C-alpha atoms as a PDB file:
ATOM      1  CA  MET A   1       0.000   0.000   0.000  1.00  0.00           C
ATOM      2  CA  THR A   2       1.315   3.441  -0.930  1.00  0.00           C
ATOM      3  CA  GLN A   3       1.774   5.857   1.961  1.00  0.00           C
ATOM      4  CA  ASN A   4       0.699   9.477   1.739  1.00  0.00           C
ATOM      5  CA  ARG A   5       3.652  11.858   1.489  1.00  0.00           C
ATOM      6  CA  PHE A   6       3.915  15.222   3.199  1.00  0.00           C
ATOM      7  CA  GLU A   7       6.635  17.798   2.659  1.00  0.00           C
ATOM      8  CA  GLN A   8       8.429  19.068   5.761  1.00  0.00           C
ATOM      9  CA  VAL A   9       9.346  22.761   5.748  1.00  0.00           C
ATOM     10  CA  ASP A  10      11.070  25.141   8.152  1.00  0.00           C
ATOM     11  CA  GLU A  11       8.975  28.230   7.334  1.00  0.00           C
ATOM     12  CA  ARG A  12       5.320  28.778   6.490  1.00  0.00           C
ATOM     13  CA  PRO A  13       4.946  29.306   2.723  1.00  0.00           C
ATOM     14  CA  ASP A  14       2.494  31.828   1.254  1.00  0.00           C
ATOM     15  CA  ASP A  15       1.133  29.309  -1.238  1.00  0.00           C
ATOM     16  CA  ALA A  16       0.234  26.346   1.004  1.00  0.00           C
ATOM     17  CA  MET A  17      -1.576  25.347   4.176  1.00  0.00           C
ATOM     18  CA  THR A  18       0.833  24.509   7.000  1.00  0.00           C
ATOM     19  CA  LEU A  19       0.330  21.995   9.789  1.00  0.00           C
ATOM     20  CA  VAL A  20       2.603  23.120  12.633  1.00  0.00           C
ATOM     21  CA  LEU A  21       3.333  20.408  15.201  1.00  0.00           C
ATOM     22  CA  GLY A  22       4.535  21.603  18.579  1.00  0.00           C
ATOM     23  CA  ARG A  23       5.065  20.835  22.209  1.00  0.00           C
ATOM     24  CA  ASP A  24       4.646  22.784  25.430  1.00  0.00           C
ATOM     25  CA  GLY A  25       6.128  20.645  28.168  1.00  0.00           C
ATOM     26  CA  GLU A  26       4.227  17.352  28.010  1.00  0.00           C
ATOM     27  CA  LYS A  27       1.410  18.852  25.920  1.00  0.00           C
ATOM     28  CA  GLN A  28       1.587  18.062  22.199  1.00  0.00           C
ATOM     29  CA  TYR A  29      -0.515  20.013  19.722  1.00  0.00           C
ATOM     30  CA  GLY A  30      -0.979  20.987  16.122  1.00  0.00           C
ATOM     31  CA  ILE A  31      -1.899  24.333  14.582  1.00  0.00           C
ATOM     32  CA  ILE A  32      -3.303  24.715  11.089  1.00  0.00           C
ATOM     33  CA  ASP A  33      -2.290  27.915   9.299  1.00  0.00           C
ATOM     34  CA  CYS A  34      -3.509  28.924   5.866  1.00  0.00           C
ATOM     35  CA  PRO A  35      -2.720  32.324   4.378  1.00  0.00           C
ATOM     36  CA  ARG A  36      -5.483  33.898   2.323  1.00  0.00           C
ATOM     37  CA  SER A  37      -3.060  34.009  -0.614  1.00  0.00           C
ATOM     38  CA  ALA A  38      -2.933  30.187  -0.729  1.00  0.00           C
ATOM     39  CA  SER A  39      -6.708  29.810  -0.987  1.00  0.00           C
ATOM     40  CA  GLN A  40      -7.137  31.640  -4.307  1.00  0.00           C
ATOM     41  CA  GLY A  41      -9.804  33.854  -2.769  1.00  0.00           C
ATOM     42  CA  ARG A  42     -11.731  31.079  -0.981  1.00  0.00           C
ATOM     43  CA  LEU A  43     -10.752  32.483   2.424  1.00  0.00           C
ATOM     44  CA  PRO A  44     -11.630  36.103   3.268  1.00  0.00           C
ATOM     45  CA  LYS A  45      -8.561  36.400   5.552  1.00  0.00           C
ATOM     46  CA  ASP A  46      -5.618  34.385   6.864  1.00  0.00           C
ATOM     47  CA  PHE A  47      -6.739  31.373   8.929  1.00  0.00           C
ATOM     48  CA  SER A  48      -5.168  29.880  12.055  1.00  0.00           C
ATOM     49  CA  SER A  49      -6.868  27.135  14.051  1.00  0.00           C
ATOM     50  CA  GLY A  50      -5.193  27.687  17.376  1.00  0.00           C
ATOM     51  CA  GLU A  51      -3.852  24.674  19.280  1.00  0.00           C
ATOM     52  CA  LEU A  52      -5.591  21.344  18.626  1.00  0.00           C
ATOM     53  CA  PRO A  53      -4.758  17.810  19.803  1.00  0.00           C
ATOM     54  CA  LEU A  54      -2.185  16.278  17.418  1.00  0.00           C
ATOM     55  CA  LYS A  55      -4.392  13.707  15.683  1.00  0.00           C
ATOM     56  CA  GLU A  56      -7.320  16.133  15.390  1.00  0.00           C
ATOM     57  CA  ALA A  57      -5.029  18.773  13.866  1.00  0.00           C
ATOM     58  CA  PHE A  58      -3.654  16.260  11.348  1.00  0.00           C
ATOM     59  CA  ARG A  59      -7.093  15.053  10.265  1.00  0.00           C
ATOM     60  CA  SER A  60      -8.516  18.574  10.114  1.00  0.00           C
ATOM     61  CA  ALA A  61      -5.563  19.851   8.075  1.00  0.00           C
ATOM     62  CA  ILE A  62      -6.079  17.141   5.458  1.00  0.00           C
ATOM     63  CA  ARG A  63      -9.814  17.825   5.289  1.00  0.00           C
ATOM     64  CA  LEU A  64      -9.318  21.601   4.973  1.00  0.00           C
ATOM     65  CA  ALA A  65      -6.533  21.283   2.392  1.00  0.00           C
ATOM     66  CA  ASN A  66      -8.779  19.039   0.293  1.00  0.00           C
ATOM     67  CA  ASP A  67     -11.801  21.348   0.718  1.00  0.00           C
ATOM     68  CA  PHE A  68      -9.829  24.458  -0.270  1.00  0.00           C
ATOM     69  CA  LYS A  69      -7.744  22.598  -2.858  1.00  0.00           C
ATOM     70  CA  VAL A  70      -4.428  23.864  -1.480  1.00  0.00           C
ATOM     71  CA  PRO A  71      -1.154  22.010  -0.856  1.00  0.00           C
ATOM     72  CA  LEU A  72      -0.442  20.929   2.715  1.00  0.00           C
ATOM     73  CA  VAL A  73       3.057  21.102   4.226  1.00  0.00           C
ATOM     74  CA  VAL A  74       4.285  20.273   7.733  1.00  0.00           C
ATOM     75  CA  MET A  75       6.519  22.089  10.221  1.00  0.00           C
ATOM     76  CA  ASP A  76       7.747  19.639  12.864  1.00  0.00           C
ATOM     77  CA  PRO A  77      10.637  21.122  14.866  1.00  0.00           C
ATOM     78  CA  ASP A  78      10.013  18.773  17.821  1.00  0.00           C
ATOM     79  CA  GLY A  79       9.826  15.503  15.843  1.00  0.00           C
ATOM     80  CA  LEU A  80       6.191  14.750  16.695  1.00  0.00           C
ATOM     81  CA  TRP A  81       5.212  13.309  13.293  1.00  0.00           C
ATOM     82  CA  GLN A  82       3.507   9.908  13.588  1.00  0.00           C
ATOM     83  CA  PRO A  83       4.743   7.336  11.013  1.00  0.00           C
ATOM     84  CA  ASP A  84       1.239   5.899  10.553  1.00  0.00           C
ATOM     85  CA  TRP A  85       0.159   9.296   9.098  1.00  0.00           C
ATOM     86  CA  GLY A  86       2.412   8.775   6.078  1.00  0.00           C
ATOM     87  CA  LYS A  87       5.898   9.691   4.968  1.00  0.00           C
ATOM     88  CA  LEU A  88       7.376  13.053   5.936  1.00  0.00           C
ATOM     89  CA  TYR A  89      10.061  14.172   3.479  1.00  0.00           C
ATOM     90  CA  ARG A  90      12.074  17.251   2.637  1.00  0.00           C
ATOM     91  CA  TYR A  91      12.120  18.677  -0.877  1.00  0.00           C
ATOM     92  CA  GLY A  92      15.369  17.756  -2.578  1.00  0.00           C
ATOM     93  CA  ASP A  93      16.018  14.638  -0.516  1.00  0.00           C
ATOM     94  CA  ASP A  94      16.673  12.065  -3.244  1.00  0.00           C
ATOM     95  CA  GLU A  95      17.462   9.104  -1.046  1.00  0.00           C
ATOM     96  CA  GLU A  96      14.754   6.751   0.159  1.00  0.00           C
ATOM     97  CA  PRO A  97      15.288   5.229   3.615  1.00  0.00           C
ATOM     98  CA  ALA A  98      16.617   1.670   3.575  1.00  0.00           C
ATOM     99  CA  GLY A  99      13.910  -0.911   3.049  1.00  0.00           C
ATOM    100  CA  GLU A 100      11.561   1.320   1.032  1.00  0.00           C
END
């Protein structure tokens, strides 16, 4: 079965929705950010979800990206990505991990 692939970035782009994964002590959360410029006029202003539980943020980001037909990228400075969500990659990384 083919895994979904998500690009990991270090900064929020103006042309994509960003799922930001973060941690505050033991609390893990996700924030969905989508600039108005990425939505091709579908959003009246920039959107930010505020902190959501990790899995809820992931699922909501996919649903919103599909609804608004915008690319979805991920910022994960704390390494909170869950492997069962799919493959997280960086643009320009040509090498596949061993075994794939």
